Amino acid sequence: MRCDGLACSNLQIFTVELIGTFILVVFATGSIVYDAEVFGGSLGTPFAALAPFIALLIGVYSFGKISMAHFNPAVTIGYFITGHITRIQIAYYFTAEIIGALLGSFFVMTFIGQKASLGANFPNHDFSIFLIFPVEVLASAMLMGVIFYVVYTKGLKGFSGVAIGGMVGLDILFLSFISGASMNPARALAPALLSGSFEHLWIYWSAPYVGTGIVAFLFRKKFQSQRVLNYE
């Protein structure tokens, strides 16, 4: 699917965001479930970090030119704050991302297994919520920062997927042992709904928006000035 140099329609955006979020959730949560089902969890965090990295490589390079490859409601809000998308488009993005995530978790439940709460995110309660919440904000902020840097540099010379997927992988590798490192409300919601693990969902439906929102406001003037230069 290509837009041939023209603005992509909302239907095209909806379609690729649904597919991309489905792929991301299957890889991100399916890897955790597969590890629990087959290896008893022995592959651990490195495997859980590698899987979404691969998923985002596929999604960004396949769909980035159509929808900017959000696959994440918190990222969508960031793009809205910087003026990249309209209010109407938020509805298309959010709907596609939630449906894609739910379909992804249903796929995992049907074809991979049901252990590990379908890959739902959990914080580490050895730490205080006063550390868990800021760490989840930080993980989401770093992801949004890399995404905006890629956009601002017009694709980072072909390494956009590596940069974005790599940031997600690194966040999971180094921060998931504290906050769960979801960074993505849709990815957190779907396995929680299907497994009934709601206790910690509020963290992943608040902290990521805080993180991406802060970074979006910091980048807002940069993108506004860039648009002015493009029009001159």
Foldseek 3Di string as FASTA:
>chain_A
DDDVPDAADLVQLLVLLLQLLLLLLLQLLLQQLLCCVPVVCPVDQLSNLVRNLVSLLCSCVVPCNHNVRPLFLLLVVLCVLLPNDDPVSSVSNVVSSLNSLQVNLVCSCVPRHCPPLSRAFDFAVVDDPVVQLVLLLVLLLVLLLLSVVCVLVVRPVPCSSNSNSVSQSVSSNPPCNGHSNPLGLSSNPNSCVVSVPCPCSVSVVPSSNNNSVVNSVVCNVVSVVVVVVVVD
